[in-house]
Amino acid sequence: MKEFNRLVITLTLIAAGAGMLLSLVESVTREPIAMQRSLQQLKALSAVLPEFDNSPDTDVVLLEVGKDKKGHPVQRTFFRARQGEQLVGIAFKVTAADGYSGNIEVMVGLDTHEHIVGIEILAHAETPGLGSKISESWFKDLFRERSLDNTDWRVKKDGGEIDQITGATISPRAIVSTVKSGLDFFHQHRQQIVAAPGE
């Protein structure tokens, strides 16, 4: 019995020590991780927006875009880029849930005429050498200057205007669909997004 009690005490002390160590590591790394995410977001915003002199990551508007599976509201952040006081662009993130290997997160940047300035692939798990080509410049450049008015928002294989990737149609199709959905939402809520006071 003494042996068992000693074992329980030893395991309890080890678990408590491991828990304290994990807590310490989390508290030490929390701020650097947040800083890194902020820098990555600013880099993506710079890649997809016209030239700006404000901080679009602080000039934001949050709008509800739907509900999740549990009925909780899902919000989208709209980042506003300015030159002086003049609005020059808006960016937002969309997630394609139907990529070949799961979610594909995309940052979309528009000018004030609702034409795409650029897109940036923020996260994906697509197959290296195939679906992963969505991150290449030539593919992202296919979206430049496109809008709801000047594009048939389907890949060419489906009769649309946007090239797919040879051997990997699912990923481009998912991105085209979700970018179009994001443009639709922005167009429907444009006035609300543009006119809202900054956060």
Protein backbone atom coordinates (compact mmCIF):
# COMPACT_ATOMS: atom_id res chain seq x y z
CA MET A 1 0.00 0.00 0.00
CA LYS A 2 2.88 2.36 0.88
CA GLU A 3 4.40 1.70 -2.54
CA PHE A 4 1.11 2.59 -4.24
CA ASN A 5 0.74 5.83 -2.24
CA ARG A 6 4.31 6.80 -3.09
CA LEU A 7 3.62 6.16 -6.78
CA VAL A 8 0.43 8.30 -6.68
CA ILE A 9 2.26 11.17 -4.95
CA THR A 10 5.15 10.96 -7.44
CA LEU A 11 2.81 10.99 -10.45
CA THR A 12 0.83 13.88 -8.95
CA LEU A 13 3.99 15.92 -8.44
CA ILE A 14 5.18 15.17 -11.99
CA ALA A 15 1.80 16.16 -13.46
CA ALA A 16 1.68 19.37 -11.40
CA GLY A 17 5.24 20.25 -12.43
CA ALA A 18 4.48 19.58 -16.11
CA GLY A 19 1.33 21.70 -15.86
CA MET A 20 3.23 24.61 -14.30
CA LEU A 21 5.95 24.31 -16.95
CA LEU A 22 3.40 24.33 -19.79
CA SER A 23 1.65 27.34 -18.25
CA LEU A 24 4.96 29.19 -18.00
CA VAL A 25 5.91 28.38 -21.61
CA GLU A 26 2.46 29.53 -22.82
CA SER A 27 2.70 32.84 -20.95
CA VAL A 28 6.23 33.48 -22.29
CA THR A 29 5.35 32.65 -25.92
CA ARG A 30 1.85 34.23 -26.07
CA GLU A 31 3.05 37.75 -26.88
CA PRO A 32 5.68 36.79 -29.50
CA ILE A 33 3.11 34.54 -31.26
CA ALA A 34 0.53 37.36 -31.28
CA MET A 35 3.19 39.75 -32.63
CA GLN A 36 4.14 37.28 -35.38
CA ARG A 37 0.49 36.84 -36.40
CA SER A 38 0.04 40.61 -36.50
CA LEU A 39 3.13 41.01 -38.72
CA GLN A 40 1.89 38.24 -41.06
CA GLN A 41 -1.49 39.95 -41.29
CA LEU A 42 0.09 43.33 -42.10
CA LYS A 43 2.26 41.67 -44.75
CA ALA A 44 -0.83 40.10 -46.35
CA LEU A 45 -2.69 43.43 -46.22
CA SER A 46 0.23 45.19 -47.90
CA ALA A 47 0.23 42.53 -50.64
CA VAL A 48 -3.48 42.86 -51.50
CA LEU A 49 -4.28 46.56 -51.00
CA PRO A 50 -3.41 49.74 -52.86
CA GLU A 51 -0.67 51.83 -51.24
CA PHE A 52 -1.83 53.16 -47.86
CA ASP A 53 -0.47 55.30 -45.03
CA ASN A 54 -2.76 54.26 -42.18
CA SER A 55 -2.88 51.02 -40.19
CA PRO A 56 -5.64 48.97 -41.85
CA ASP A 57 -5.41 46.36 -39.10
CA THR A 58 -6.79 48.94 -36.65
CA ASP A 59 -9.28 50.65 -39.00
CA VAL A 60 -11.72 47.75 -39.11
CA VAL A 61 -15.41 46.95 -39.37
CA LEU A 62 -16.87 43.68 -38.04
CA LEU A 63 -20.01 42.26 -39.64
CA GLU A 64 -21.89 39.05 -38.98
CA VAL A 65 -21.78 36.80 -42.05
CA GLY A 66 -23.77 33.86 -40.72
CA LYS A 67 -23.90 31.25 -37.96
CA ASP A 68 -21.65 28.30 -37.21
CA LYS A 69 -22.93 24.72 -36.71
CA LYS A 70 -23.75 25.49 -33.07
CA GLY A 71 -25.72 28.60 -33.97
CA HIS A 72 -23.07 31.08 -32.80
CA PRO A 73 -22.55 34.20 -34.94
CA VAL A 74 -19.64 34.17 -37.40
CA GLN A 75 -18.06 37.55 -38.03
CA ARG A 76 -15.89 38.84 -40.85
CA THR A 77 -13.37 41.65 -40.37
CA PHE A 78 -13.06 44.30 -43.07
CA PHE A 79 -9.75 46.17 -43.08
CA ARG A 80 -9.87 49.71 -44.48
CA ALA A 81 -6.83 51.23 -46.21
CA ARG A 82 -6.48 55.01 -46.48
CA GLN A 83 -4.23 57.67 -47.95
CA GLY A 84 -4.67 60.58 -45.57
CA GLU A 85 -8.41 60.63 -44.90
CA GLN A 86 -9.34 59.10 -48.25
CA LEU A 87 -10.40 55.47 -48.42
CA VAL A 88 -8.35 53.66 -51.10
CA GLY A 89 -9.17 50.00 -50.45
CA ILE A 90 -10.82 47.32 -48.36
CA ALA A 91 -9.51 43.85 -47.49
CA PHE A 92 -11.17 40.84 -45.91
CA LYS A 93 -10.51 37.16 -45.26
CA VAL A 94 -12.59 34.35 -46.68
CA THR A 95 -12.29 30.63 -46.06
CA ALA A 96 -12.91 28.01 -48.73
CA ALA A 97 -14.15 25.01 -46.76
CA ASP A 98 -14.18 22.75 -49.82
CA GLY A 99 -10.50 22.64 -50.75
CA TYR A 100 -9.10 19.25 -51.72
CA SER A 101 -7.32 18.86 -48.36
CA GLY A 102 -9.51 21.07 -46.17
CA ASN A 103 -9.88 24.77 -45.51
CA ILE A 104 -8.08 27.37 -47.61
CA GLU A 105 -7.84 30.82 -46.03
CA VAL A 106 -7.59 33.74 -48.46
CA MET A 107 -7.09 37.49 -47.96
CA VAL A 108 -8.83 39.53 -50.67
CA GLY A 109 -8.06 43.20 -51.34
CA LEU A 110 -10.28 45.56 -53.33
CA ASP A 111 -10.01 49.11 -54.59
CA THR A 112 -12.90 51.52 -54.08
CA HIS A 113 -14.49 50.41 -57.38
CA GLU A 114 -14.75 46.82 -56.06
CA HIS A 115 -12.01 45.51 -58.37
CA ILE A 116 -9.57 43.03 -56.87
CA VAL A 117 -6.13 44.49 -56.25
CA GLY A 118 -4.76 41.12 -55.12
CA ILE A 119 -5.34 37.94 -53.18
CA GLU A 120 -3.01 36.22 -50.75
CA ILE A 121 -3.25 32.58 -49.65
CA LEU A 122 -2.89 32.67 -45.85
CA ALA A 123 -3.24 28.97 -45.01
CA HIS A 124 -3.85 25.69 -46.80
CA ALA A 125 -2.99 21.98 -46.64
CA GLU A 126 -3.11 21.25 -50.37
CA THR A 127 -0.95 18.61 -52.06
CA PRO A 128 2.64 19.81 -52.68
CA GLY A 129 3.29 20.27 -56.39
CA LEU A 130 -0.42 20.18 -57.29
CA GLY A 131 -3.01 22.05 -55.23
CA SER A 132 -0.23 23.93 -53.44
CA LYS A 133 0.28 25.91 -56.67
CA ILE A 134 -2.58 28.13 -55.49
CA SER A 135 0.13 29.99 -53.53
CA GLU A 136 2.16 30.77 -56.66
CA SER A 137 2.17 34.30 -58.05
CA TRP A 138 0.84 33.33 -61.50
CA PHE A 139 -2.30 31.85 -59.94
CA LYS A 140 -2.93 34.75 -57.56
CA ASP A 141 -2.41 37.19 -60.44
CA LEU A 142 -5.38 35.62 -62.27
CA PHE A 143 -7.66 37.51 -59.86
CA ARG A 144 -6.21 41.00 -60.35
CA GLU A 145 -8.65 43.60 -61.72
CA ARG A 146 -11.56 41.16 -61.56
CA SER A 147 -14.94 42.22 -60.18
CA LEU A 148 -18.50 40.95 -60.01
CA ASP A 149 -19.24 42.82 -63.24
CA ASN A 150 -16.34 41.78 -65.48
CA THR A 151 -15.86 38.07 -64.72
CA ASP A 152 -17.66 34.76 -65.12
CA TRP A 153 -16.74 33.42 -61.68
CA ARG A 154 -16.06 29.81 -62.62
CA VAL A 155 -12.91 27.97 -63.58
CA LYS A 156 -12.49 27.33 -67.31
CA LYS A 157 -13.24 23.63 -66.87
CA ASP A 158 -16.74 24.68 -65.70
CA GLY A 159 -17.20 27.18 -68.53
CA GLY A 160 -15.87 30.23 -66.70
CA GLU A 161 -12.90 32.54 -67.22
CA ILE A 162 -10.37 31.63 -64.54
CA ASP A 163 -7.64 29.08 -65.29
CA GLN A 164 -7.48 26.04 -63.09
CA ILE A 165 -4.33 24.14 -62.17
CA THR A 166 -3.63 21.09 -64.34
CA GLY A 167 -4.44 18.00 -62.31
CA ALA A 168 -5.84 20.02 -59.42
CA THR A 169 -9.17 21.64 -60.24
CA ILE A 170 -10.79 21.29 -56.81
CA SER A 171 -8.57 23.83 -55.01
CA PRO A 172 -8.90 26.62 -57.64
CA ARG A 173 -12.64 25.97 -57.91
CA ALA A 174 -12.96 26.35 -54.12
CA ILE A 175 -11.01 29.63 -54.14
CA VAL A 176 -12.96 31.08 -57.08
CA SER A 177 -16.24 30.25 -55.38
CA THR A 178 -15.31 31.66 -51.98
CA VAL A 179 -13.75 34.85 -53.41
CA LYS A 180 -16.94 35.44 -55.42
CA SER A 181 -19.01 34.86 -52.27
CA GLY A 182 -16.85 37.41 -50.42
CA LEU A 183 -17.31 39.96 -53.23
CA ASP A 184 -21.08 39.41 -53.14
CA PHE A 185 -21.19 40.01 -49.38
CA PHE A 186 -19.04 43.12 -49.65
CA HIS A 187 -21.19 44.52 -52.47
CA GLN A 188 -24.39 43.97 -50.47
CA HIS A 189 -22.96 45.63 -47.35
CA ARG A 190 -20.66 48.18 -48.99
CA GLN A 191 -22.24 51.29 -47.50
CA GLN A 192 -22.21 49.82 -44.01
CA ILE A 193 -18.53 48.85 -44.31
CA VAL A 194 -17.34 52.10 -45.88
CA ALA A 195 -19.32 54.48 -43.68
CA ALA A 196 -18.86 52.81 -40.28
CA PRO A 197 -16.61 54.58 -37.77
CA GLY A 198 -13.20 52.91 -37.21
CA GLU A 199 -12.76 50.60 -34.27
